[in-house]
Amino acid sequence: MKLTPEQRAQFERDGYLFFPGHFSPEETRALTDAVPDLYSKREAFNVREKGSDAVRTNFAAHLISEPFARLARHPRMVEPVMDLFGEEVYMHQFKINGKMAFEGDVWQWHQDYGTWLNDDLMPTERAMNVAIFLDEVNEHNGPLMFIPGSHRKGVVDAKHDLTTTSYPLWTVDNDLIRQLVDRAGGKGHYDAAGRHIGGGIVSPKGPAGSMILFHSCLVHASGSNLSPFNRVAVYLSLCAVSNHIRRHKRPEYIAHRNFAPIELLPDDCLLKPYPVEVPWKNGLPESALQTSLEVLDTAEA
């Protein structure tokens, strides 16, 4: 899957690309059906909401579940990222965020690369998130909010928020958020028909199976889900192989340590049982929990 010149220009300008209905209902169902079993496991890879049993995020499903192992090798998801980087990529992180009905908490304003730099010592921002909707995303169930063009600011100062939610995050100061939103269009305006035009915050919404590519420096957030509609989405963080992390401060189930290029499967891999390895299907190995502050010798990595 190659991007058009127009898509590449849009990505450079806005920091994201949105592909509504990128995966069919049948393909999406193969993934959605595997989520309840993953969420039911009492393992470290399931982080639950603060004061709730609802899963906030599930890590490393591609090492546990065959459908998600196939998604991790899907050309429709991986090839556009390789196209933008001009290089093969490896899986830095794999999450299924479960912003569950009534219980899904906020994700504060942040850049993903802020965490990857501060915690993992990822050398540059040559990494990208791919989000795939497993549920319809609408204005009620906590959609992602992007500040278009904020990736062009580069890496911004962030503080380590350890208290707001159950998951620590390197977050961006409110004053800087105001500046970035103003620069991107502020509140926008309404036309004569009452339609909102422009504005410095956008929220891609669409059916299950939609996909977003977004730059690792794009500032983004999402509100809580007070609706009766789940908003489960997969987030795959793909990193250029030459840009792999240099420290294992976080457990392997959060920040992966296999820097080998992703080997792609055929385009119909979500509909056919192509063989895939799922090395953690019987539980996390002890090595997946180990951490270190030692900086990797890049010659040996």
C-alpha atoms as a PDB file:
ATOM      1  CA  MET A   1       0.000   0.000   0.000  1.00  0.00           C
ATOM      2  CA  LYS A   2       1.707   3.151  -1.241  1.00  0.00           C
ATOM      3  CA  LEU A   3       0.666   6.647  -0.199  1.00  0.00           C
ATOM      4  CA  THR A   4      -0.202   9.208  -2.849  1.00  0.00           C
ATOM      5  CA  PRO A   5       1.761  12.487  -3.102  1.00  0.00           C
ATOM      6  CA  GLU A   6      -1.336  14.247  -1.733  1.00  0.00           C
ATOM      7  CA  GLN A   7      -1.455  11.948   1.286  1.00  0.00           C
ATOM      8  CA  ARG A   8       2.249  12.452   1.973  1.00  0.00           C
ATOM      9  CA  ALA A   9       1.799  16.229   1.795  1.00  0.00           C
ATOM     10  CA  GLN A  10      -1.193  16.058   4.138  1.00  0.00           C
ATOM     11  CA  PHE A  11       0.797  13.983   6.620  1.00  0.00           C
ATOM     12  CA  GLU A  12       3.638  16.486   6.579  1.00  0.00           C
ATOM     13  CA  ARG A  13       1.176  19.344   7.128  1.00  0.00           C
ATOM     14  CA  ASP A  14      -1.216  17.847   9.688  1.00  0.00           C
ATOM     15  CA  GLY A  15       0.760  14.989  11.274  1.00  0.00           C
ATOM     16  CA  TYR A  16      -1.891  12.338  10.647  1.00  0.00           C
ATOM     17  CA  LEU A  17      -3.851  10.477   7.981  1.00  0.00           C
ATOM     18  CA  PHE A  18      -7.335   9.007   8.455  1.00  0.00           C
ATOM     19  CA  PHE A  19      -8.612   5.986   6.506  1.00  0.00           C
ATOM     20  CA  PRO A  20     -12.338   5.407   7.296  1.00  0.00           C
ATOM     21  CA  GLY A  21     -13.452   1.770   6.981  1.00  0.00           C
ATOM     22  CA  HIS A  22      -9.928   0.620   6.090  1.00  0.00           C
ATOM     23  CA  PHE A  23     -10.671  -2.910   7.331  1.00  0.00           C
ATOM     24  CA  SER A  24     -13.919  -4.703   6.480  1.00  0.00           C
ATOM     25  CA  PRO A  25     -16.512  -5.693   9.114  1.00  0.00           C
ATOM     26  CA  GLU A  26     -15.424  -9.341   8.726  1.00  0.00           C
ATOM     27  CA  GLU A  27     -11.763  -8.457   9.285  1.00  0.00           C
ATOM     28  CA  THR A  28     -12.592  -6.252  12.251  1.00  0.00           C
ATOM     29  CA  ARG A  29     -14.814  -8.915  13.806  1.00  0.00           C
ATOM     30  CA  ALA A  30     -11.907 -11.378  13.823  1.00  0.00           C
ATOM     31  CA  LEU A  31     -10.112  -8.951  16.131  1.00  0.00           C
ATOM     32  CA  THR A  32     -13.068  -7.827  18.227  1.00  0.00           C
ATOM     33  CA  ASP A  33     -14.022 -11.424  19.038  1.00  0.00           C
ATOM     34  CA  ALA A  34     -10.561 -12.030  20.538  1.00  0.00           C
ATOM     35  CA  VAL A  35     -10.659  -9.063  22.947  1.00  0.00           C
ATOM     36  CA  PRO A  36     -12.828 -10.457  25.796  1.00  0.00           C
ATOM     37  CA  ASP A  37     -10.473 -13.397  26.391  1.00  0.00           C
ATOM     38  CA  LEU A  38      -7.461 -11.073  26.476  1.00  0.00           C
ATOM     39  CA  TYR A  39      -9.166  -8.639  28.856  1.00  0.00           C
ATOM     40  CA  SER A  40     -10.211 -11.469  31.196  1.00  0.00           C
ATOM     41  CA  LYS A  41      -6.635 -12.479  32.012  1.00  0.00           C
ATOM     42  CA  ARG A  42      -5.189 -11.471  35.389  1.00  0.00           C
ATOM     43  CA  GLU A  43      -1.750 -10.637  34.064  1.00  0.00           C
ATOM     44  CA  ALA A  44       0.544  -7.629  34.293  1.00  0.00           C
ATOM     45  CA  PHE A  45      -0.145  -6.842  30.634  1.00  0.00           C
ATOM     46  CA  ASN A  46      -3.709  -5.760  31.524  1.00  0.00           C
ATOM     47  CA  VAL A  47      -3.680  -2.304  33.137  1.00  0.00           C
ATOM     48  CA  ARG A  48      -7.076  -1.533  34.679  1.00  0.00           C
ATOM     49  CA  GLU A  49      -8.727   1.814  35.256  1.00  0.00           C
ATOM     50  CA  LYS A  50      -8.139   3.635  38.522  1.00  0.00           C
ATOM     51  CA  GLY A  51     -10.665   2.314  41.032  1.00  0.00           C
ATOM     52  CA  SER A  52     -12.316   0.029  38.462  1.00  0.00           C
ATOM     53  CA  ASP A  53     -11.995  -3.473  37.050  1.00  0.00           C
ATOM     54  CA  ALA A  54     -12.383  -2.172  33.490  1.00  0.00           C
ATOM     55  CA  VAL A  55      -9.282  -2.666  31.331  1.00  0.00           C
ATOM     56  CA  ARG A  56      -7.648   0.619  30.377  1.00  0.00           C
ATOM     57  CA  THR A  57      -5.013  -0.894  28.146  1.00  0.00           C
ATOM     58  CA  ASN A  58      -3.838  -4.371  27.171  1.00  0.00           C
ATOM     59  CA  PHE A  59      -0.234  -4.815  26.075  1.00  0.00           C
ATOM     60  CA  ALA A  60       1.457  -7.271  23.711  1.00  0.00           C
ATOM     61  CA  ALA A  61      -1.634  -8.994  22.289  1.00  0.00           C
ATOM     62  CA  HIS A  62       0.372  -9.856  19.174  1.00  0.00           C
ATOM     63  CA  LEU A  63       2.500 -12.209  21.312  1.00  0.00           C
ATOM     64  CA  ILE A  64      -0.545 -13.832  22.938  1.00  0.00           C
ATOM     65  CA  SER A  65      -3.393 -13.940  20.397  1.00  0.00           C
ATOM     66  CA  GLU A  66      -3.232 -15.289  16.839  1.00  0.00           C
ATOM     67  CA  PRO A  67      -5.642 -12.726  15.301  1.00  0.00           C
ATOM     68  CA  PHE A  68      -3.578  -9.852  16.688  1.00  0.00           C
ATOM     69  CA  ALA A  69      -0.334 -11.563  15.683  1.00  0.00           C
ATOM     70  CA  ARG A  70      -1.662 -11.502  12.108  1.00  0.00           C
ATOM     71  CA  LEU A  71      -2.705  -7.860  12.402  1.00  0.00           C
ATOM     72  CA  ALA A  72       0.843  -7.009  13.496  1.00  0.00           C
ATOM     73  CA  ARG A  73       2.036  -8.297  10.095  1.00  0.00           C
ATOM     74  CA  HIS A  74      -0.745  -6.803   7.964  1.00  0.00           C
ATOM     75  CA  PRO A  75       0.530  -5.000   4.841  1.00  0.00           C
ATOM     76  CA  ARG A  76      -2.387  -2.538   4.870  1.00  0.00           C
ATOM     77  CA  MET A  77      -1.150  -1.304   8.249  1.00  0.00           C
ATOM     78  CA  VAL A  78       2.646  -1.695   7.991  1.00  0.00           C
ATOM     79  CA  GLU A  79       3.391  -0.650   4.399  1.00  0.00           C
ATOM     80  CA  PRO A  80       2.230   2.991   4.681  1.00  0.00           C
ATOM     81  CA  VAL A  81       4.588   3.477   7.640  1.00  0.00           C
ATOM     82  CA  MET A  82       7.488   1.873   5.770  1.00  0.00           C
ATOM     83  CA  ASP A  83       6.625   4.126   2.830  1.00  0.00           C
ATOM     84  CA  LEU A  84       6.869   7.267   4.981  1.00  0.00           C
ATOM     85  CA  PHE A  85      10.114   6.196   6.655  1.00  0.00           C
ATOM     86  CA  GLY A  86      11.719   4.620   3.605  1.00  0.00           C
ATOM     87  CA  GLU A  87      12.892   1.824   5.858  1.00  0.00           C
ATOM     88  CA  GLU A  88      11.739  -1.432   7.428  1.00  0.00           C
ATOM     89  CA  VAL A  89      10.076  -1.207  10.835  1.00  0.00           C
ATOM     90  CA  TYR A  90       9.779  -3.280  13.995  1.00  0.00           C
ATOM     91  CA  MET A  91       6.998  -3.392  16.609  1.00  0.00           C
ATOM     92  CA  HIS A  92       7.949  -1.103  19.477  1.00  0.00           C
ATOM     93  CA  GLN A  93       4.627  -1.359  21.298  1.00  0.00           C
ATOM     94  CA  PHE A  94       1.252  -3.047  20.827  1.00  0.00           C
ATOM     95  CA  LYS A  95      -1.778  -1.903  22.835  1.00  0.00           C
ATOM     96  CA  ILE A  96      -5.520  -2.502  22.834  1.00  0.00           C
ATOM     97  CA  ASN A  97      -6.982   0.501  24.635  1.00  0.00           C
ATOM     98  CA  GLY A  98     -10.389  -0.271  26.119  1.00  0.00           C
ATOM     99  CA  LYS A  99     -12.177   2.997  26.722  1.00  0.00           C
ATOM    100  CA  MET A 100     -15.140   1.139  28.109  1.00  0.00           C
ATOM    101  CA  ALA A 101     -18.701   2.479  28.379  1.00  0.00           C
ATOM    102  CA  PHE A 102     -19.172   4.725  31.442  1.00  0.00           C
ATOM    103  CA  GLU A 103     -15.740   3.787  32.846  1.00  0.00           C
ATOM    104  CA  GLY A 104     -13.116   4.765  30.254  1.00  0.00           C
ATOM    105  CA  ASP A 105     -10.900   7.462  31.766  1.00  0.00           C
ATOM    106  CA  VAL A 106      -9.062  10.312  30.066  1.00  0.00           C
ATOM    107  CA  TRP A 107      -5.717  10.157  28.294  1.00  0.00           C
ATOM    108  CA  GLN A 108      -4.006  13.455  29.068  1.00  0.00           C
ATOM    109  CA  TRP A 109      -2.419  15.706  26.419  1.00  0.00           C
ATOM    110  CA  HIS A 110       0.886  14.141  25.380  1.00  0.00           C
ATOM    111  CA  GLN A 111       3.276  13.201  22.607  1.00  0.00           C
ATOM    112  CA  ASP A 112       4.046   9.502  22.292  1.00  0.00           C
ATOM    113  CA  TYR A 113       7.659  10.225  21.482  1.00  0.00           C
ATOM    114  CA  GLY A 114       7.982  12.036  24.812  1.00  0.00           C
ATOM    115  CA  THR A 115       7.523   8.703  26.595  1.00  0.00           C
ATOM    116  CA  TRP A 116       9.648   6.761  24.132  1.00  0.00           C
ATOM    117  CA  LEU A 117      12.487   9.257  24.529  1.00  0.00           C
ATOM    118  CA  ASN A 118      12.358   9.712  28.299  1.00  0.00           C
ATOM    119  CA  ASP A 119      11.706   6.096  29.268  1.00  0.00           C
ATOM    120  CA  ASP A 120      13.137   4.027  26.401  1.00  0.00           C
ATOM    121  CA  LEU A 121      15.902   6.290  25.015  1.00  0.00           C
ATOM    122  CA  MET A 122      14.555   6.050  21.465  1.00  0.00           C
ATOM    123  CA  PRO A 123      17.089   8.162  19.500  1.00  0.00           C
ATOM    124  CA  THR A 124      14.735  10.148  17.208  1.00  0.00           C
ATOM    125  CA  GLU A 125      11.042  10.469  16.391  1.00  0.00           C
ATOM    126  CA  ARG A 126      11.271   7.991  13.472  1.00  0.00           C
ATOM    127  CA  ALA A 127       8.412   5.978  14.951  1.00  0.00           C
ATOM    128  CA  MET A 128       4.691   6.239  14.428  1.00  0.00           C
ATOM    129  CA  ASN A 129       1.371   5.132  15.880  1.00  0.00           C
ATOM    130  CA  VAL A 130      -1.275   3.315  13.904  1.00  0.00           C
ATOM    131  CA  ALA A 131      -4.738   3.300  15.494  1.00  0.00           C
ATOM    132  CA  ILE A 132      -7.411   0.856  14.328  1.00  0.00           C
ATOM    133  CA  PHE A 133     -10.985   1.245  15.584  1.00  0.00           C
ATOM    134  CA  LEU A 134     -12.568  -1.972  16.849  1.00  0.00           C
ATOM    135  CA  ASP A 135     -15.754  -0.067  17.694  1.00  0.00           C
ATOM    136  CA  GLU A 136     -17.456   2.846  16.009  1.00  0.00           C
ATOM    137  CA  VAL A 137     -15.888   6.075  17.270  1.00  0.00           C
ATOM    138  CA  ASN A 138     -18.292   8.982  17.655  1.00  0.00           C
ATOM    139  CA  GLU A 139     -18.449  12.308  19.484  1.00  0.00           C
ATOM    140  CA  HIS A 140     -19.837  10.629  22.616  1.00  0.00           C
ATOM    141  CA  ASN A 141     -17.412   7.803  23.460  1.00  0.00           C
ATOM    142  CA  GLY A 142     -14.122   9.608  24.006  1.00  0.00           C
ATOM    143  CA  PRO A 143     -12.621  10.042  20.515  1.00  0.00           C
ATOM    144  CA  LEU A 144      -8.981  10.942  20.024  1.00  0.00           C
ATOM    145  CA  MET A 145      -8.256  14.664  19.856  1.00  0.00           C
ATOM    146  CA  PHE A 146      -5.341  15.885  17.708  1.00  0.00           C
ATOM    147  CA  ILE A 147      -3.798  19.333  17.402  1.00  0.00           C
ATOM    148  CA  PRO A 148      -3.073  19.448  13.642  1.00  0.00           C
ATOM    149  CA  GLY A 149       0.476  20.443  12.797  1.00  0.00           C
ATOM    150  CA  SER A 150       1.687  20.196  16.404  1.00  0.00           C
ATOM    151  CA  HIS A 151       4.242  17.572  15.339  1.00  0.00           C
ATOM    152  CA  ARG A 152       6.176  20.358  13.600  1.00  0.00           C
ATOM    153  CA  LYS A 153       6.977  21.828  17.026  1.00  0.00           C
ATOM    154  CA  GLY A 154       9.265  18.827  17.587  1.00  0.00           C
ATOM    155  CA  VAL A 155       9.801  17.332  21.020  1.00  0.00           C
ATOM    156  CA  VAL A 156       8.284  19.553  23.736  1.00  0.00           C
ATOM    157  CA  ASP A 157       8.863  19.668  27.478  1.00  0.00           C
ATOM    158  CA  ALA A 158       6.765  17.177  29.424  1.00  0.00           C
ATOM    159  CA  LYS A 159       6.213  16.198  33.038  1.00  0.00           C
ATOM    160  CA  HIS A 160       5.749  12.664  34.327  1.00  0.00           C
ATOM    161  CA  ASP A 161       2.142  12.416  35.528  1.00  0.00           C
ATOM    162  CA  LEU A 162       1.932   9.511  37.963  1.00  0.00           C
ATOM    163  CA  THR A 163      -1.375  10.344  39.638  1.00  0.00           C
ATOM    164  CA  THR A 164      -4.144  11.408  37.228  1.00  0.00           C
ATOM    165  CA  THR A 165      -4.880   7.922  35.860  1.00  0.00           C
ATOM    166  CA  SER A 166      -3.760   4.339  36.477  1.00  0.00           C
ATOM    167  CA  TYR A 167      -1.075   4.590  33.773  1.00  0.00           C
ATOM    168  CA  PRO A 168       1.926   6.982  34.039  1.00  0.00           C
ATOM    169  CA  LEU A 169       2.313   9.381  31.122  1.00  0.00           C
ATOM    170  CA  TRP A 170       4.686  12.180  30.078  1.00  0.00           C
ATOM    171  CA  THR A 171       2.163  15.005  29.687  1.00  0.00           C
ATOM    172  CA  VAL A 172       2.234  18.457  28.077  1.00  0.00           C
ATOM    173  CA  ASP A 173       1.647  21.679  30.032  1.00  0.00           C
ATOM    174  CA  ASN A 174      -1.771  23.350  29.616  1.00  0.00           C
ATOM    175  CA  ASP A 175      -0.247  26.692  28.578  1.00  0.00           C
ATOM    176  CA  LEU A 176       1.588  25.060  25.692  1.00  0.00           C
ATOM    177  CA  ILE A 177      -1.612  23.252  24.678  1.00  0.00           C
ATOM    178  CA  ARG A 178      -3.373  26.637  24.453  1.00  0.00           C
ATOM    179  CA  GLN A 179      -0.561  28.014  22.279  1.00  0.00           C
ATOM    180  CA  LEU A 180      -0.558  25.002  19.956  1.00  0.00           C
ATOM    181  CA  VAL A 181      -4.340  25.049  19.584  1.00  0.00           C
ATOM    182  CA  ASP A 182      -4.354  28.800  18.865  1.00  0.00           C
ATOM    183  CA  ARG A 183      -1.649  28.333  16.244  1.00  0.00           C
ATOM    184  CA  ALA A 184      -3.640  25.522  14.616  1.00  0.00           C
ATOM    185  CA  GLY A 185      -6.852  27.540  14.333  1.00  0.00           C
ATOM    186  CA  GLY A 186      -8.209  28.192  17.816  1.00  0.00           C
ATOM    187  CA  LYS A 187     -11.929  27.622  18.279  1.00  0.00           C
ATOM    188  CA  GLY A 188     -12.679  27.761  14.564  1.00  0.00           C
ATOM    189  CA  HIS A 189     -16.028  29.222  13.454  1.00  0.00           C
ATOM    190  CA  TYR A 190     -19.505  28.279  12.256  1.00  0.00           C
ATOM    191  CA  ASP A 191     -20.796  28.873   8.752  1.00  0.00           C
ATOM    192  CA  ALA A 192     -24.301  30.097   7.834  1.00  0.00           C
ATOM    193  CA  ALA A 193     -25.609  26.505   7.959  1.00  0.00           C
ATOM    194  CA  GLY A 194     -24.326  26.005  11.502  1.00  0.00           C
ATOM    195  CA  ARG A 195     -21.440  23.753  10.489  1.00  0.00           C
ATOM    196  CA  HIS A 196     -18.209  24.073  12.425  1.00  0.00           C
ATOM    197  CA  ILE A 197     -15.284  25.112  10.225  1.00  0.00           C
ATOM    198  CA  GLY A 198     -11.599  24.892  11.030  1.00  0.00           C
ATOM    199  CA  GLY A 199     -10.308  24.896  14.573  1.00  0.00           C
ATOM    200  CA  GLY A 200      -7.158  23.797  16.337  1.00  0.00           C
ATOM    201  CA  ILE A 201      -8.486  20.456  17.610  1.00  0.00           C
ATOM    202  CA  VAL A 202      -9.760  17.649  15.384  1.00  0.00           C
ATOM    203  CA  SER A 203     -11.308  14.283  16.292  1.00  0.00           C
ATOM    204  CA  PRO A 204     -11.369  11.644  13.538  1.00  0.00           C
ATOM    205  CA  LYS A 205     -14.568   9.628  13.875  1.00  0.00           C
ATOM    206  CA  GLY A 206     -15.842   6.697  11.873  1.00  0.00           C
ATOM    207  CA  PRO A 207     -16.939   3.063  11.746  1.00  0.00           C
ATOM    208  CA  ALA A 208     -15.153   0.083  13.236  1.00  0.00           C
ATOM    209  CA  GLY A 209     -12.264  -0.872  10.949  1.00  0.00           C
ATOM    210  CA  SER A 210     -11.143   2.723  10.380  1.00  0.00           C
ATOM    211  CA  MET A 211      -7.408   3.448  10.695  1.00  0.00           C
ATOM    212  CA  ILE A 212      -5.327   6.493  11.649  1.00  0.00           C
ATOM    213  CA  LEU A 213      -1.598   6.983  11.112  1.00  0.00           C
ATOM    214  CA  PHE A 214      -0.151   9.711  13.300  1.00  0.00           C
ATOM    215  CA  HIS A 215       3.278  11.191  13.897  1.00  0.00           C
ATOM    216  CA  SER A 216       5.019  10.360  17.178  1.00  0.00           C
ATOM    217  CA  CYS A 217       5.312  14.080  18.000  1.00  0.00           C
ATOM    218  CA  LEU A 218       1.662  14.905  17.251  1.00  0.00           C
ATOM    219  CA  VAL A 219       0.107  16.210  20.478  1.00  0.00           C
ATOM    220  CA  HIS A 220      -3.070  14.314  21.298  1.00  0.00           C
ATOM    221  CA  ALA A 221      -5.469  13.318  24.075  1.00  0.00           C
ATOM    222  CA  SER A 222      -8.928  11.867  24.647  1.00  0.00           C
ATOM    223  CA  GLY A 223     -11.697  12.596  27.109  1.00  0.00           C
ATOM    224  CA  SER A 224     -13.522  10.150  29.360  1.00  0.00           C
ATOM    225  CA  ASN A 225     -16.237   7.907  27.977  1.00  0.00           C
ATOM    226  CA  LEU A 226     -19.509   8.736  29.725  1.00  0.00           C
ATOM    227  CA  SER A 227     -21.579   7.125  26.978  1.00  0.00           C
ATOM    228  CA  PRO A 228     -23.046   3.589  26.946  1.00  0.00           C
ATOM    229  CA  PHE A 229     -20.839   2.786  23.914  1.00  0.00           C
ATOM    230  CA  ASN A 230     -17.448   1.071  24.206  1.00  0.00           C
ATOM    231  CA  ARG A 231     -14.551   2.624  22.301  1.00  0.00           C
ATOM    232  CA  VAL A 232     -11.965  -0.142  21.958  1.00  0.00           C
ATOM    233  CA  ALA A 233      -9.037   0.555  19.613  1.00  0.00           C
ATOM    234  CA  VAL A 234      -5.710  -1.070  18.744  1.00  0.00           C
ATOM    235  CA  TYR A 235      -2.585   1.094  18.844  1.00  0.00           C
ATOM    236  CA  LEU A 236       0.504  -0.281  17.117  1.00  0.00           C
ATOM    237  CA  SER A 237       3.709   1.698  17.527  1.00  0.00           C
ATOM    238  CA  LEU A 238       6.048   1.009  14.612  1.00  0.00           C
ATOM    239  CA  CYS A 239       9.662   2.162  14.769  1.00  0.00           C
ATOM    240  CA  ALA A 240      12.303   2.350  12.056  1.00  0.00           C
ATOM    241  CA  VAL A 241      14.706  -0.542  12.642  1.00  0.00           C
ATOM    242  CA  SER A 242      17.704   1.818  12.735  1.00  0.00           C
ATOM    243  CA  ASN A 243      15.959   3.860  15.447  1.00  0.00           C
ATOM    244  CA  HIS A 244      15.407   1.098  18.007  1.00  0.00           C
ATOM    245  CA  ILE A 245      15.317   1.908  21.726  1.00  0.00           C
ATOM    246  CA  ARG A 246      18.543   2.035  23.743  1.00  0.00           C
ATOM    247  CA  ARG A 247      17.264   1.178  27.234  1.00  0.00           C
ATOM    248  CA  HIS A 248      14.983  -1.430  28.823  1.00  0.00           C
ATOM    249  CA  LYS A 249      13.679   0.719  31.669  1.00  0.00           C
ATOM    250  CA  ARG A 250      10.146  -0.543  31.021  1.00  0.00           C
ATOM    251  CA  PRO A 251       9.131  -4.229  30.965  1.00  0.00           C
ATOM    252  CA  GLU A 252       9.337  -6.047  27.649  1.00  0.00           C
ATOM    253  CA  TYR A 253       5.565  -6.454  27.433  1.00  0.00           C
ATOM    254  CA  ILE A 254       5.345  -2.628  27.236  1.00  0.00           C
ATOM    255  CA  ALA A 255       8.451  -1.711  25.202  1.00  0.00           C
ATOM    256  CA  HIS A 256       9.486  -4.602  22.986  1.00  0.00           C
ATOM    257  CA  ARG A 257      13.067  -5.761  22.531  1.00  0.00           C
ATOM    258  CA  ASN A 258      12.881  -7.681  19.277  1.00  0.00           C
ATOM    259  CA  PHE A 259      14.204  -5.204  16.711  1.00  0.00           C
ATOM    260  CA  ALA A 260      13.885  -7.547  13.722  1.00  0.00           C
ATOM    261  CA  PRO A 261      11.927  -6.122  10.756  1.00  0.00           C
ATOM    262  CA  ILE A 262       8.267  -7.111  10.586  1.00  0.00           C
ATOM    263  CA  GLU A 263       7.680  -9.924   8.082  1.00  0.00           C
ATOM    264  CA  LEU A 264       4.459  -9.170   6.224  1.00  0.00           C
ATOM    265  CA  LEU A 265       1.628 -11.615   5.622  1.00  0.00           C
ATOM    266  CA  PRO A 266      -0.766 -11.534   2.631  1.00  0.00           C
ATOM    267  CA  ASP A 267      -3.525  -8.945   2.593  1.00  0.00           C
ATOM    268  CA  ASP A 268      -6.210 -11.496   3.548  1.00  0.00           C
ATOM    269  CA  CYS A 269      -4.397 -12.543   6.720  1.00  0.00           C
ATOM    270  CA  LEU A 270      -7.262 -11.540   9.027  1.00  0.00           C
ATOM    271  CA  LEU A 271      -9.619 -13.859   7.154  1.00  0.00           C
ATOM    272  CA  LYS A 272      -7.396 -16.928   6.722  1.00  0.00           C
ATOM    273  CA  PRO A 273      -5.461 -18.890   9.405  1.00  0.00           C
ATOM    274  CA  TYR A 274      -1.921 -18.162   8.286  1.00  0.00           C
ATOM    275  CA  PRO A 275       0.499 -19.686  10.835  1.00  0.00           C
ATOM    276  CA  VAL A 276       1.983 -17.171  13.285  1.00  0.00           C
ATOM    277  CA  GLU A 277       4.040 -17.454  16.447  1.00  0.00           C
ATOM    278  CA  VAL A 278       2.393 -16.457  19.758  1.00  0.00           C
ATOM    279  CA  PRO A 279       5.196 -17.150  22.261  1.00  0.00           C
ATOM    280  CA  TRP A 280       3.364 -15.747  25.298  1.00  0.00           C
ATOM    281  CA  LYS A 281       0.018 -17.501  24.799  1.00  0.00           C
ATOM    282  CA  ASN A 282       0.506 -19.558  27.989  1.00  0.00           C
ATOM    283  CA  GLY A 283       1.537 -16.597  30.144  1.00  0.00           C
ATOM    284  CA  LEU A 284       4.246 -13.993  30.457  1.00  0.00           C
ATOM    285  CA  PRO A 285       7.802 -15.304  30.736  1.00  0.00           C
ATOM    286  CA  GLU A 286       9.830 -13.978  33.641  1.00  0.00           C
ATOM    287  CA  SER A 287      12.083 -12.128  31.203  1.00  0.00           C
ATOM    288  CA  ALA A 288       9.122  -9.983  30.070  1.00  0.00           C
ATOM    289  CA  LEU A 289       8.970  -8.406  33.536  1.00  0.00           C
ATOM    290  CA  GLN A 290      12.663  -7.600  33.919  1.00  0.00           C
ATOM    291  CA  THR A 291      13.934  -4.031  33.552  1.00  0.00           C
ATOM    292  CA  SER A 292      17.287  -2.270  33.470  1.00  0.00           C
ATOM    293  CA  LEU A 293      18.662   1.282  33.493  1.00  0.00           C
ATOM    294  CA  GLU A 294      21.725   0.216  31.536  1.00  0.00           C
ATOM    295  CA  VAL A 295      22.141   1.835  28.127  1.00  0.00           C
ATOM    296  CA  LEU A 296      22.408  -0.706  25.315  1.00  0.00           C
ATOM    297  CA  ASP A 297      25.612  -1.192  23.396  1.00  0.00           C
ATOM    298  CA  THR A 298      24.317  -0.354  19.923  1.00  0.00           C
ATOM    299  CA  ALA A 299      26.984  -2.517  18.296  1.00  0.00           C
ATOM    300  CA  GLU A 300      25.444  -5.571  19.992  1.00  0.00           C
ATOM    301  CA  ALA A 301      21.767  -4.604  19.789  1.00  0.00           C
END
